[in-house]
Every structure is written in structure tokens, then in C-alpha cells.
N, C-alpha and C. Protein backbone atom coordinates (compact mmCIF):
# COMPACT_ATOMS: atom_id res chain seq x y z
N UNK A 1 9.97 29.61 89.76
CA UNK A 1 10.45 28.38 89.20
C UNK A 1 11.17 28.70 87.89
N UNK A 2 12.41 28.23 87.77
CA UNK A 2 13.23 28.50 86.59
C UNK A 2 13.65 27.19 85.94
N UNK A 3 13.90 27.25 84.65
CA UNK A 3 14.42 26.07 83.95
C UNK A 3 15.88 25.88 84.34
N UNK A 4 16.20 24.67 84.77
CA UNK A 4 17.55 24.35 85.23
C UNK A 4 18.32 23.52 84.19
N UNK A 5 17.58 22.65 83.48
CA UNK A 5 18.25 21.72 82.56
C UNK A 5 17.28 21.30 81.46
N UNK A 6 17.80 21.13 80.26
CA UNK A 6 17.01 20.70 79.11
C UNK A 6 17.73 19.51 78.47
N UNK A 7 17.00 18.42 78.30
CA UNK A 7 17.55 17.23 77.65
C UNK A 7 16.65 16.89 76.47
N UNK A 8 17.23 16.74 75.30
CA UNK A 8 16.47 16.31 74.12
C UNK A 8 17.17 15.09 73.54
N UNK A 9 16.39 14.08 73.22
CA UNK A 9 16.93 12.82 72.70
C UNK A 9 16.50 12.63 71.25
N UNK A 10 17.42 12.10 70.47
CA UNK A 10 17.14 11.69 69.10
C UNK A 10 16.70 12.85 68.21
N UNK A 11 17.28 14.03 68.42
CA UNK A 11 16.97 15.18 67.58
C UNK A 11 17.48 14.90 66.17
N UNK A 12 16.63 15.06 65.19
CA UNK A 12 16.93 14.72 63.78
C UNK A 12 17.26 13.24 63.61
N UNK A 13 16.89 12.42 64.61
CA UNK A 13 17.22 11.01 64.55
C UNK A 13 18.69 10.72 64.83
N UNK A 14 19.44 11.74 65.27
CA UNK A 14 20.89 11.60 65.41
C UNK A 14 21.45 12.11 66.73
N UNK A 15 21.01 13.29 67.16
CA UNK A 15 21.67 13.99 68.25
C UNK A 15 20.93 13.86 69.58
N UNK A 16 21.69 13.74 70.66
CA UNK A 16 21.20 13.83 72.03
C UNK A 16 21.88 15.04 72.65
N UNK A 17 21.08 15.94 73.22
CA UNK A 17 21.64 17.14 73.85
C UNK A 17 21.23 17.20 75.32
N UNK A 18 22.15 17.62 76.16
CA UNK A 18 21.91 17.82 77.58
C UNK A 18 22.47 19.19 77.93
N UNK A 19 21.57 20.15 78.14
CA UNK A 19 21.97 21.55 78.36
C UNK A 19 21.62 21.95 79.79
N UNK A 20 22.63 22.26 80.59
CA UNK A 20 22.42 22.79 81.93
C UNK A 20 22.44 24.31 81.84
N UNK A 21 21.41 24.95 82.37
CA UNK A 21 21.34 26.41 82.31
C UNK A 21 22.01 27.02 83.53
N UNK A 22 22.68 28.12 83.32
CA UNK A 22 23.40 28.82 84.37
C UNK A 22 22.42 29.75 85.09
N UNK A 23 21.80 29.25 86.14
CA UNK A 23 20.77 30.01 86.86
C UNK A 23 21.37 31.19 87.63
N UNK A 24 22.55 31.01 88.20
CA UNK A 24 23.15 32.07 89.01
C UNK A 24 23.48 33.31 88.19
N UNK A 25 24.03 33.11 87.01
CA UNK A 25 24.45 34.25 86.19
C UNK A 25 23.39 34.68 85.18
N UNK A 26 22.28 33.96 85.12
CA UNK A 26 21.14 34.30 84.25
C UNK A 26 21.48 34.33 82.77
N UNK A 27 22.51 33.59 82.35
CA UNK A 27 22.85 33.53 80.93
C UNK A 27 23.45 32.16 80.62
N UNK A 28 23.01 31.60 79.51
CA UNK A 28 23.57 30.36 79.00
C UNK A 28 23.77 30.54 77.51
N UNK A 29 24.92 30.17 77.03
CA UNK A 29 25.23 30.31 75.61
C UNK A 29 25.20 28.94 74.96
N UNK A 30 24.36 28.80 73.93
CA UNK A 30 24.33 27.58 73.14
C UNK A 30 25.29 27.76 71.97
N UNK A 31 26.23 26.86 71.84
CA UNK A 31 27.16 26.97 70.71
C UNK A 31 27.46 25.58 70.18
N UNK A 32 27.81 25.52 68.92
CA UNK A 32 28.13 24.26 68.27
C UNK A 32 28.13 24.45 66.78
N UNK A 33 28.50 23.41 66.05
CA UNK A 33 28.55 23.52 64.59
C UNK A 33 27.15 23.69 63.98
N UNK A 34 27.12 24.19 62.76
CA UNK A 34 25.86 24.34 62.05
C UNK A 34 25.18 22.98 61.90
N UNK A 35 23.85 22.98 62.05
CA UNK A 35 23.07 21.77 61.82
C UNK A 35 22.97 20.83 62.99
N UNK A 36 23.46 21.22 64.14
CA UNK A 36 23.43 20.32 65.30
C UNK A 36 22.14 20.48 66.13
N UNK A 37 21.39 21.58 65.89
CA UNK A 37 20.09 21.72 66.53
C UNK A 37 19.95 22.83 67.54
N UNK A 38 20.81 23.81 67.54
CA UNK A 38 20.72 24.91 68.52
C UNK A 38 19.41 25.68 68.35
N UNK A 39 19.13 26.12 67.13
CA UNK A 39 17.91 26.88 66.87
C UNK A 39 16.68 26.00 67.03
N UNK A 40 16.76 24.76 66.61
CA UNK A 40 15.62 23.84 66.73
C UNK A 40 15.29 23.58 68.19
N UNK A 41 16.29 23.51 69.05
CA UNK A 41 16.04 23.35 70.48
C UNK A 41 15.21 24.52 71.01
N UNK A 42 15.53 25.73 70.59
CA UNK A 42 14.74 26.90 70.99
C UNK A 42 13.33 26.84 70.40
N UNK A 43 13.18 26.34 69.18
CA UNK A 43 11.86 26.18 68.57
C UNK A 43 11.02 25.15 69.33
N UNK A 44 11.66 24.09 69.80
CA UNK A 44 10.96 23.09 70.60
C UNK A 44 10.40 23.73 71.86
N UNK A 45 11.24 24.49 72.56
CA UNK A 45 10.79 25.14 73.80
C UNK A 45 9.67 26.14 73.52
N UNK A 46 9.81 26.93 72.47
CA UNK A 46 8.79 27.90 72.10
C UNK A 46 7.47 27.20 71.78
N UNK A 47 7.52 26.14 71.01
CA UNK A 47 6.30 25.40 70.66
C UNK A 47 5.64 24.80 71.89
N UNK A 48 6.44 24.25 72.78
CA UNK A 48 5.89 23.62 73.98
C UNK A 48 5.21 24.65 74.88
N UNK A 49 5.88 25.74 75.19
CA UNK A 49 5.33 26.71 76.13
C UNK A 49 4.23 27.58 75.53
N UNK A 50 4.08 27.56 74.21
CA UNK A 50 2.95 28.24 73.56
C UNK A 50 1.84 27.26 73.19
N UNK A 51 1.99 26.02 73.63
CA UNK A 51 1.02 24.95 73.36
C UNK A 51 0.76 24.75 71.87
N UNK A 52 1.80 24.92 71.07
CA UNK A 52 1.70 24.69 69.63
C UNK A 52 2.14 23.26 69.36
N UNK A 53 1.24 22.31 69.64
CA UNK A 53 1.60 20.90 69.56
C UNK A 53 1.78 20.42 68.12
N UNK A 54 1.11 21.06 67.18
CA UNK A 54 1.31 20.70 65.77
C UNK A 54 2.76 20.97 65.37
N UNK A 55 3.26 22.14 65.71
CA UNK A 55 4.65 22.48 65.39
C UNK A 55 5.62 21.57 66.16
N UNK A 56 5.29 21.28 67.40
CA UNK A 56 6.13 20.39 68.21
C UNK A 56 6.20 19.00 67.57
N UNK A 57 5.08 18.53 67.05
CA UNK A 57 5.05 17.21 66.42
C UNK A 57 5.90 17.18 65.15
N UNK A 58 5.97 18.28 64.44
CA UNK A 58 6.72 18.35 63.18
C UNK A 58 8.24 18.32 63.38
N UNK A 59 8.71 18.68 64.55
CA UNK A 59 10.15 18.70 64.82
C UNK A 59 10.60 17.27 65.16
N UNK A 60 11.61 16.76 64.47
CA UNK A 60 12.02 15.36 64.67
C UNK A 60 12.87 15.13 65.93
N UNK A 61 12.22 14.67 66.99
CA UNK A 61 12.91 14.24 68.22
C UNK A 61 12.02 13.20 68.88
N UNK A 62 12.56 12.44 69.82
CA UNK A 62 11.75 11.41 70.47
C UNK A 62 11.41 11.73 71.92
N UNK A 63 12.26 12.49 72.61
CA UNK A 63 12.01 12.76 74.04
C UNK A 63 12.61 14.11 74.42
N UNK A 64 11.88 14.82 75.26
CA UNK A 64 12.34 16.09 75.80
C UNK A 64 12.09 16.06 77.30
N UNK A 65 13.08 16.48 78.06
CA UNK A 65 12.93 16.58 79.51
C UNK A 65 13.40 17.97 79.94
N UNK A 66 12.53 18.67 80.66
CA UNK A 66 12.88 19.98 81.19
C UNK A 66 12.84 19.88 82.71
N UNK A 67 13.96 20.16 83.34
CA UNK A 67 14.04 20.11 84.79
C UNK A 67 14.01 21.54 85.32
N UNK A 68 13.18 21.77 86.34
CA UNK A 68 13.02 23.10 86.91
C UNK A 68 13.77 23.21 88.24
N UNK A 69 13.95 24.43 88.70
CA UNK A 69 14.70 24.69 89.93
C UNK A 69 14.05 24.08 91.17
N UNK A 70 12.75 23.82 91.12
CA UNK A 70 12.07 23.19 92.26
C UNK A 70 12.10 21.66 92.17
N UNK A 71 12.92 21.12 91.25
CA UNK A 71 13.12 19.69 91.02
C UNK A 71 11.97 19.01 90.29
N UNK A 72 10.96 19.74 89.90
CA UNK A 72 9.92 19.14 89.07
C UNK A 72 10.45 19.00 87.65
N UNK A 73 9.83 18.11 86.88
CA UNK A 73 10.27 17.86 85.52
C UNK A 73 9.07 17.79 84.59
N UNK A 74 9.24 18.33 83.41
CA UNK A 74 8.25 18.24 82.36
C UNK A 74 8.80 17.28 81.32
N UNK A 75 8.06 16.21 81.04
CA UNK A 75 8.51 15.19 80.10
C UNK A 75 7.62 15.21 78.87
N UNK A 76 8.24 15.19 77.71
CA UNK A 76 7.51 15.12 76.44
C UNK A 76 8.07 13.92 75.69
N UNK A 77 7.17 13.00 75.35
CA UNK A 77 7.58 11.86 74.53
C UNK A 77 6.75 11.86 73.27
N UNK A 78 7.41 11.58 72.16
CA UNK A 78 6.72 11.53 70.88
C UNK A 78 6.69 10.10 70.38
N UNK A 79 5.54 9.70 69.89
CA UNK A 79 5.41 8.41 69.24
C UNK A 79 5.84 8.58 67.80
N UNK A 80 6.61 7.66 67.32
CA UNK A 80 7.15 7.80 65.98
C UNK A 80 6.27 7.13 64.92
N UNK A 81 5.26 6.38 65.35
CA UNK A 81 4.38 5.70 64.41
C UNK A 81 3.06 6.44 64.31
N UNK A 82 2.61 6.71 63.11
CA UNK A 82 1.39 7.50 62.91
C UNK A 82 0.14 6.79 63.37
N UNK A 83 0.16 5.47 63.51
CA UNK A 83 -1.04 4.73 63.90
C UNK A 83 -1.29 4.76 65.40
N UNK A 84 -0.42 5.36 66.17
CA UNK A 84 -0.61 5.40 67.61
C UNK A 84 -1.56 6.54 67.98
N UNK A 85 -2.35 6.34 69.03
CA UNK A 85 -3.41 7.29 69.36
C UNK A 85 -2.91 8.58 70.00
N UNK A 86 -1.82 8.55 70.71
CA UNK A 86 -1.26 9.75 71.34
C UNK A 86 0.10 10.05 70.75
N UNK A 87 0.17 10.84 69.67
CA UNK A 87 1.48 11.10 69.06
C UNK A 87 2.42 11.90 69.97
N UNK A 88 1.85 12.73 70.87
CA UNK A 88 2.68 13.50 71.81
C UNK A 88 2.11 13.29 73.21
N UNK A 89 3.00 12.97 74.15
CA UNK A 89 2.61 12.76 75.53
C UNK A 89 3.39 13.75 76.38
N UNK A 90 2.67 14.63 77.10
CA UNK A 90 3.30 15.64 77.95
C UNK A 90 2.89 15.39 79.40
N UNK A 91 3.88 15.26 80.30
CA UNK A 91 3.58 15.00 81.71
C UNK A 91 4.47 15.85 82.61
N UNK A 92 3.89 16.31 83.70
CA UNK A 92 4.64 17.04 84.72
C UNK A 92 4.86 16.10 85.90
N UNK A 93 6.12 15.92 86.30
CA UNK A 93 6.45 15.09 87.45
C UNK A 93 6.97 15.97 88.56
N UNK A 94 6.46 15.76 89.76
CA UNK A 94 6.92 16.54 90.91
C UNK A 94 7.78 15.71 91.80
């Protein structure tokens, strides 16, 4: 199972990114102007797959969707209000 697509919404309260990964050639290049979130997108993925939810919570975004080659999806939603009981919600959809 490989990552096929990454979607992040409301990164820094401003940016929405939709990145399709090139599975056939095994390389995808992230490029864009400084401050748009290229490195932060990689930090989000690293935090998620290492189960570092504290670090994931500290990164300002509202929704992350990772689509895999088997069509399953991993959804991460963040609550923006501190009084909510589940600040991060992670679900796998098949």
C-alpha cells in the first residue's frame, strides 16, 4: 500500500494543498514559494506516522486526508476550540 494523494486544508489558516504523488516513477517534487508549507506538510506526515499527536496538534491546519493506492483513506480532523474533548480525530476509511 502506497500513498497516492495528500490533501491538507487550512494550513496556517490560509492554504489548501492537494498533492498527487507519482507512484509509477517513485518520485514527487514539492515546490513553491517560501512560507507556503512544503516543509510543514512533511512534518505533518512525520508526526502522524510516528504517532506524535502533540506535535501534530501544534501544526496549524484543520483537515488532512491521505489516500492510499488501495483506495483506503486516512482522515485527520483537528478541533480548533480548546474546550472540545477530542482535539484530534484520526480515522481510516476503507
